[in-house]
Each structure stands twice: as structure tokens, then as C-alpha cells.
């Protein structure tokens, strides 16, 4: 009976058993007018019963629906290098000298001045 209902391209009342059905269900929801705000919830709903490799295949489809491989990309790790530099600087500042800095000298009018001409 489910095959009969799935013949209707607008039918979405089924639970996907594999990645192919999950993609099919998501595409049916999109064709039925899925709002962009609801896409994350719809993807979670489509993947809720998938496990193991089926879930991995569905996740790979979500990330890259065309399935193109990008093996020839040159890695850009400048941000990682900058973050590492900031991290090491923070550690250096945190683990720096363990001296207690001197307290600031307060100008207190109750304490007599030690410099200057004696008052008469």
C-alpha cells in the first residue's frame, strides 16, 4: 500500500528506511513548499530513523548534494595558524612571571610629605 501512496509526488507521510528514501522525502517536502526556516528541522526529521552508513550517506548528501569530490583543494590553514599564535601568547601571558606587582602608591593627605622644605 505504501508503494501506491508513494506514487503520488506530494505524499510525505512515510518514515525513511535508508538514505535514498530520506533524500526522496526531503525533496518531496521541498516540492510541497518547505520554507527555508524549516529546512534544519526537516533534515532532522528525515534522518531520525537512519543509522550507520545510511546516516553517513545522508549526511554526505546534505553537505554536498552533487557528490563531487574535491581532492585537489589546497589547504588554507592561515586562520588556524593565527589562532595558534594567539593561544600561545595567551599561555605565555598566563604562565608569565609569578611575581606580585607592587601596589600603587596612593597620595594620601593624612600622611605627611617626606620631601620639601620643613614647615615653620
N, C-alpha and C. Protein backbone atom coordinates (compact mmCIF):
# COMPACT_ATOMS: atom_id res chain seq x y z
N UNK A 1 0.83 -1.20 0.00
CA UNK A 1 0.00 0.00 0.00
C UNK A 1 0.87 1.26 0.00
N UNK A 2 2.04 1.16 0.68
CA UNK A 2 2.92 2.31 0.73
C UNK A 2 3.43 2.68 -0.67
N UNK A 3 3.69 1.67 -1.50
CA UNK A 3 4.13 1.95 -2.87
C UNK A 3 3.08 2.73 -3.63
N UNK A 4 1.84 2.42 -3.37
CA UNK A 4 0.74 3.13 -4.04
C UNK A 4 0.72 4.59 -3.61
N UNK A 5 0.88 4.84 -2.31
CA UNK A 5 0.89 6.22 -1.82
C UNK A 5 2.13 6.97 -2.32
N UNK A 6 3.27 6.28 -2.40
CA UNK A 6 4.50 6.94 -2.85
C UNK A 6 4.46 7.29 -4.33
N UNK A 7 3.52 6.74 -5.05
CA UNK A 7 3.36 7.12 -6.46
C UNK A 7 2.92 8.57 -6.59
N UNK A 8 2.27 9.09 -5.56
CA UNK A 8 1.86 10.49 -5.52
C UNK A 8 3.07 11.32 -5.12
N UNK A 9 3.55 12.26 -5.96
CA UNK A 9 4.75 13.03 -5.65
C UNK A 9 4.59 14.00 -4.48
N UNK A 10 3.37 14.21 -4.00
CA UNK A 10 3.18 15.11 -2.87
C UNK A 10 3.03 14.36 -1.55
N UNK A 11 3.05 13.04 -1.57
CA UNK A 11 2.87 12.22 -0.36
C UNK A 11 4.15 12.27 0.48
N UNK A 12 4.01 12.66 1.74
CA UNK A 12 5.16 12.77 2.64
C UNK A 12 4.95 12.04 3.96
N UNK A 13 3.90 11.27 4.09
CA UNK A 13 3.60 10.61 5.36
C UNK A 13 4.21 9.21 5.41
N UNK A 14 5.55 9.13 5.32
CA UNK A 14 6.24 7.86 5.47
C UNK A 14 7.56 8.09 6.18
N UNK A 15 8.07 7.04 6.80
CA UNK A 15 9.33 7.12 7.53
C UNK A 15 10.43 6.48 6.67
N UNK A 16 11.48 7.23 6.35
CA UNK A 16 12.55 6.69 5.50
C UNK A 16 13.30 5.56 6.21
N UNK A 17 13.63 4.51 5.45
CA UNK A 17 14.39 3.39 5.99
C UNK A 17 15.84 3.42 5.56
N UNK A 18 16.16 4.19 4.52
CA UNK A 18 17.54 4.30 4.07
C UNK A 18 17.78 5.72 3.55
N UNK A 19 19.02 5.99 3.17
CA UNK A 19 19.40 7.35 2.74
C UNK A 19 18.65 7.77 1.49
N UNK A 20 18.40 6.84 0.59
CA UNK A 20 17.69 7.18 -0.64
C UNK A 20 16.27 7.66 -0.33
N UNK A 21 15.58 6.96 0.56
CA UNK A 21 14.23 7.39 0.92
C UNK A 21 14.27 8.71 1.69
N UNK A 22 15.31 8.94 2.50
CA UNK A 22 15.42 10.20 3.24
C UNK A 22 15.58 11.37 2.27
N UNK A 23 16.41 11.19 1.25
CA UNK A 23 16.57 12.25 0.24
C UNK A 23 15.26 12.46 -0.49
N UNK A 24 14.60 11.35 -0.84
CA UNK A 24 13.31 11.44 -1.53
C UNK A 24 12.30 12.20 -0.69
N UNK A 25 12.23 11.89 0.60
CA UNK A 25 11.27 12.58 1.49
C UNK A 25 11.60 14.07 1.58
N UNK A 26 12.88 14.40 1.73
CA UNK A 26 13.25 15.81 1.81
C UNK A 26 12.88 16.55 0.53
N UNK A 27 13.15 15.94 -0.62
CA UNK A 27 12.82 16.59 -1.88
C UNK A 27 11.30 16.76 -2.04
N UNK A 28 10.52 15.78 -1.57
CA UNK A 28 9.06 15.92 -1.62
C UNK A 28 8.60 17.10 -0.76
N UNK A 29 9.22 17.24 0.42
CA UNK A 29 8.86 18.38 1.28
C UNK A 29 9.21 19.69 0.59
N UNK A 30 10.36 19.74 -0.08
CA UNK A 30 10.74 20.96 -0.79
C UNK A 30 9.76 21.28 -1.91
N UNK A 31 9.36 20.26 -2.66
CA UNK A 31 8.41 20.47 -3.75
C UNK A 31 7.04 20.90 -3.23
N UNK A 32 6.73 20.51 -1.99
CA UNK A 32 5.45 20.91 -1.39
C UNK A 32 5.51 22.30 -0.78
N UNK A 33 6.64 22.98 -0.86
CA UNK A 33 6.72 24.36 -0.38
C UNK A 33 7.37 24.50 0.99
N UNK A 34 8.39 23.72 1.28
CA UNK A 34 9.11 23.82 2.54
C UNK A 34 9.75 25.20 2.66
N UNK A 35 9.49 25.87 3.77
CA UNK A 35 10.06 27.19 3.99
C UNK A 35 11.53 27.04 4.41
N UNK A 36 12.40 27.96 3.98
CA UNK A 36 13.83 27.84 4.31
C UNK A 36 14.10 27.76 5.81
N UNK A 37 13.28 28.42 6.60
CA UNK A 37 13.46 28.39 8.05
C UNK A 37 13.27 26.99 8.62
N UNK A 38 12.51 26.15 7.95
CA UNK A 38 12.19 24.82 8.44
C UNK A 38 13.13 23.73 7.89
N UNK A 39 14.09 24.09 7.07
CA UNK A 39 14.98 23.08 6.46
C UNK A 39 15.73 22.27 7.51
N UNK A 40 16.35 22.89 8.54
CA UNK A 40 17.07 22.06 9.52
C UNK A 40 16.17 21.04 10.21
N UNK A 41 14.98 21.46 10.61
CA UNK A 41 14.06 20.54 11.28
C UNK A 41 13.63 19.41 10.35
N UNK A 42 13.44 19.75 9.09
CA UNK A 42 13.03 18.74 8.11
C UNK A 42 14.14 17.72 7.90
N UNK A 43 15.39 18.18 7.82
CA UNK A 43 16.51 17.26 7.65
C UNK A 43 16.64 16.32 8.85
N UNK A 44 16.44 16.84 10.04
CA UNK A 44 16.49 16.01 11.24
C UNK A 44 15.36 14.99 11.21
N UNK A 45 14.17 15.43 10.83
CA UNK A 45 13.02 14.52 10.75
C UNK A 45 13.26 13.43 9.72
N UNK A 46 13.87 13.77 8.59
CA UNK A 46 14.13 12.78 7.55
C UNK A 46 15.18 11.77 8.00
N UNK A 47 16.11 12.18 8.87
CA UNK A 47 17.21 11.31 9.27
C UNK A 47 16.99 10.63 10.61
N UNK A 48 15.86 10.82 11.24
CA UNK A 48 15.69 10.35 12.61
C UNK A 48 15.78 8.83 12.77
N UNK A 49 15.44 8.04 11.77
CA UNK A 49 15.50 6.59 11.91
C UNK A 49 16.67 5.97 11.17
N UNK A 50 17.54 6.77 10.59
CA UNK A 50 18.69 6.24 9.87
C UNK A 50 19.82 5.93 10.85
N UNK A 51 20.58 4.89 10.56
CA UNK A 51 21.71 4.53 11.41
C UNK A 51 22.89 4.14 10.53
N UNK A 52 24.08 4.18 11.13
CA UNK A 52 25.29 3.70 10.48
C UNK A 52 25.61 4.35 9.16
N UNK A 53 25.86 3.50 8.17
CA UNK A 53 26.29 4.01 6.86
C UNK A 53 25.18 4.78 6.15
N UNK A 54 23.93 4.41 6.40
CA UNK A 54 22.82 5.14 5.77
C UNK A 54 22.81 6.59 6.26
N UNK A 55 23.02 6.78 7.55
CA UNK A 55 23.06 8.13 8.10
C UNK A 55 24.27 8.89 7.55
N UNK A 56 25.41 8.19 7.42
CA UNK A 56 26.60 8.84 6.86
C UNK A 56 26.37 9.26 5.41
N UNK A 57 25.72 8.42 4.64
CA UNK A 57 25.44 8.77 3.23
C UNK A 57 24.48 9.96 3.15
N UNK A 58 23.46 10.00 4.02
CA UNK A 58 22.52 11.11 4.02
C UNK A 58 23.24 12.40 4.42
N UNK A 59 24.11 12.32 5.42
CA UNK A 59 24.87 13.49 5.84
C UNK A 59 25.79 13.98 4.72
N UNK A 60 26.42 13.04 4.01
CA UNK A 60 27.27 13.43 2.88
C UNK A 60 26.45 14.11 1.80
N UNK A 61 25.23 13.64 1.59
CA UNK A 61 24.35 14.27 0.60
C UNK A 61 23.96 15.68 1.05
N UNK A 62 23.70 15.87 2.34
CA UNK A 62 23.33 17.20 2.86
C UNK A 62 24.48 18.17 2.61
N UNK A 63 25.70 17.73 2.88
CA UNK A 63 26.87 18.60 2.74
C UNK A 63 27.16 18.90 1.28
N UNK A 64 27.05 17.89 0.42
CA UNK A 64 27.40 18.07 -0.99
C UNK A 64 26.43 17.26 -1.85
N UNK A 65 25.27 17.83 -2.21
CA UNK A 65 24.26 17.09 -2.97
C UNK A 65 24.74 16.60 -4.34
N UNK A 66 25.69 17.29 -4.96
CA UNK A 66 26.16 16.88 -6.27
C UNK A 66 27.11 15.69 -6.21
N UNK A 67 27.67 15.44 -5.06
CA UNK A 67 28.56 14.31 -4.90
C UNK A 67 29.92 14.49 -5.52
N UNK A 68 30.29 15.70 -5.87
CA UNK A 68 31.60 15.94 -6.46
C UNK A 68 32.66 15.86 -5.37
N UNK A 69 33.79 15.25 -5.70
CA UNK A 69 34.89 15.18 -4.76
C UNK A 69 35.84 16.34 -5.03
N UNK A 70 36.42 16.85 -3.98
CA UNK A 70 37.34 17.98 -4.09
C UNK A 70 38.68 17.58 -3.51
N UNK A 71 39.39 16.68 -4.19
CA UNK A 71 40.66 16.18 -3.70
C UNK A 71 41.82 17.12 -4.00
N UNK A 72 41.65 18.00 -4.97
CA UNK A 72 42.75 18.85 -5.39
C UNK A 72 42.72 20.24 -4.76
N UNK A 73 42.02 20.39 -3.65
CA UNK A 73 41.94 21.69 -2.98
C UNK A 73 43.21 21.90 -2.17
N UNK A 74 43.78 23.10 -2.28
CA UNK A 74 44.96 23.45 -1.49
C UNK A 74 44.47 23.87 -0.11
N UNK A 75 44.98 23.24 0.94
CA UNK A 75 44.50 23.60 2.29
C UNK A 75 44.96 25.01 2.66
N UNK A 76 44.07 25.75 3.28
CA UNK A 76 44.38 27.10 3.75
C UNK A 76 44.29 27.07 5.27
N UNK A 77 45.45 27.07 5.91
CA UNK A 77 45.46 26.98 7.37
C UNK A 77 45.94 28.27 8.03
N UNK A 78 45.74 29.41 7.35
CA UNK A 78 46.19 30.68 7.92
C UNK A 78 45.41 31.03 9.18
N UNK A 79 44.11 30.77 9.18
CA UNK A 79 43.30 31.07 10.36
C UNK A 79 43.73 30.19 11.53
N UNK A 80 43.99 28.91 11.25
CA UNK A 80 44.43 28.01 12.30
C UNK A 80 45.77 28.48 12.86
N UNK A 81 46.68 28.93 12.00
CA UNK A 81 47.99 29.41 12.45
C UNK A 81 47.84 30.67 13.31
N UNK A 82 46.96 31.57 12.91
CA UNK A 82 46.73 32.78 13.70
C UNK A 82 46.12 32.44 15.06
N UNK A 83 45.17 31.51 15.07
CA UNK A 83 44.57 31.09 16.34
C UNK A 83 45.61 30.45 17.25
N UNK A 84 46.50 29.64 16.69
CA UNK A 84 47.55 29.01 17.48
C UNK A 84 48.48 30.05 18.07
N UNK A 85 48.80 31.10 17.29
CA UNK A 85 49.67 32.17 17.78
C UNK A 85 49.03 32.91 18.95
N UNK A 86 47.73 33.23 18.82
CA UNK A 86 47.01 33.90 19.91
C UNK A 86 46.96 32.99 21.14
N UNK A 87 46.73 31.71 20.93
CA UNK A 87 46.67 30.76 22.04
C UNK A 87 48.01 30.70 22.78
N UNK A 88 49.11 30.61 22.03
CA UNK A 88 50.43 30.54 22.67
C UNK A 88 50.77 31.84 23.40
N UNK A 89 50.37 32.98 22.84
CA UNK A 89 50.60 34.26 23.50
C UNK A 89 49.80 34.34 24.80
N UNK A 90 48.57 33.85 24.78
CA UNK A 90 47.75 33.84 25.98
C UNK A 90 48.37 32.95 27.05
N UNK A 91 48.86 31.79 26.65
CA UNK A 91 49.53 30.91 27.61
C UNK A 91 50.77 31.57 28.19
N UNK A 92 51.54 32.26 27.34
CA UNK A 92 52.74 32.93 27.82
C UNK A 92 52.39 34.01 28.83
N UNK A 93 51.33 34.77 28.56
CA UNK A 93 50.92 35.81 29.49
C UNK A 93 50.38 35.22 30.79
N UNK A 94 49.65 34.12 30.66
CA UNK A 94 49.07 33.49 31.85
C UNK A 94 50.15 32.85 32.72
N UNK A 95 51.10 32.20 32.10
CA UNK A 95 52.14 31.49 32.82
C UNK A 95 53.41 32.31 32.95
N UNK A 96 53.30 33.62 32.77
CA UNK A 96 54.46 34.50 32.82
C UNK A 96 55.07 34.57 34.21
N UNK A 97 55.74 35.66 34.53
CA UNK A 97 56.40 35.77 35.83
C UNK A 97 55.37 35.65 36.96
N UNK A 98 55.80 34.95 38.00
CA UNK A 98 54.89 34.72 39.13
C UNK A 98 55.10 35.76 40.23
N UNK A 99 55.63 36.90 39.89
CA UNK A 99 55.85 37.96 40.87
C UNK A 99 54.53 38.70 41.11
N UNK A 100 54.39 39.19 42.31
CA UNK A 100 53.23 40.02 42.63
C UNK A 100 53.63 41.46 42.31
N UNK A 101 52.88 42.13 41.46
CA UNK A 101 53.26 43.50 41.11
C UNK A 101 53.15 44.40 42.34
N UNK A 102 53.98 45.45 42.39
CA UNK A 102 53.92 46.36 43.54
C UNK A 102 52.59 47.10 43.58
N UNK A 103 52.17 47.39 44.79
CA UNK A 103 50.92 48.14 44.94
C UNK A 103 51.13 49.58 44.52
N UNK A 104 50.15 50.19 43.95
CA UNK A 104 50.31 51.60 43.56
C UNK A 104 50.40 52.49 44.80
N UNK A 105 51.21 53.54 44.70
CA UNK A 105 51.37 54.48 45.79
C UNK A 105 50.19 55.44 45.76
N UNK A 106 49.52 55.52 46.88
CA UNK A 106 48.37 56.42 46.96
C UNK A 106 48.82 57.76 47.53
N UNK A 107 48.28 58.82 47.01
CA UNK A 107 48.58 60.15 47.51
C UNK A 107 47.57 60.45 48.61
N UNK A 108 47.99 60.19 49.83
CA UNK A 108 47.08 60.35 50.97
C UNK A 108 47.46 61.63 51.71
N UNK A 109 46.50 62.53 51.89
CA UNK A 109 46.81 63.80 52.54
C UNK A 109 47.03 63.64 54.03
N UNK A 110 46.66 62.49 54.61
CA UNK A 110 46.87 62.28 56.04
C UNK A 110 48.32 61.94 56.34
N UNK A 111 49.03 61.43 55.37
CA UNK A 111 50.43 61.08 55.57
C UNK A 111 51.26 62.32 55.26
N UNK A 112 52.14 62.75 56.20
CA UNK A 112 52.93 63.96 55.93
C UNK A 112 53.91 63.74 54.79
N UNK A 113 54.14 64.77 54.05
CA UNK A 113 55.06 64.69 52.91
C UNK A 113 56.46 64.55 53.43
N UNK A 114 57.26 63.71 52.83
CA UNK A 114 58.63 63.46 53.29
C UNK A 114 59.62 64.34 52.53
N UNK A 115 59.20 64.98 51.50
CA UNK A 115 60.10 65.84 50.73
C UNK A 115 59.61 67.26 50.82
N UNK A 116 60.47 68.17 50.52
CA UNK A 116 60.10 69.56 50.50
C UNK A 116 60.67 70.30 51.71
N UNK A 117 60.51 71.61 51.72
CA UNK A 117 61.08 72.39 52.86
C UNK A 117 60.27 72.15 54.14
N UNK A 118 60.95 72.17 55.27
CA UNK A 118 60.22 71.98 56.53
C UNK A 118 59.30 73.16 56.79
N UNK A 119 58.18 72.85 57.34
CA UNK A 119 57.22 73.92 57.62
C UNK A 119 57.53 74.55 58.97
N UNK A 120 57.39 75.85 59.09
CA UNK A 120 57.68 76.58 60.32
C UNK A 120 56.45 77.13 60.94
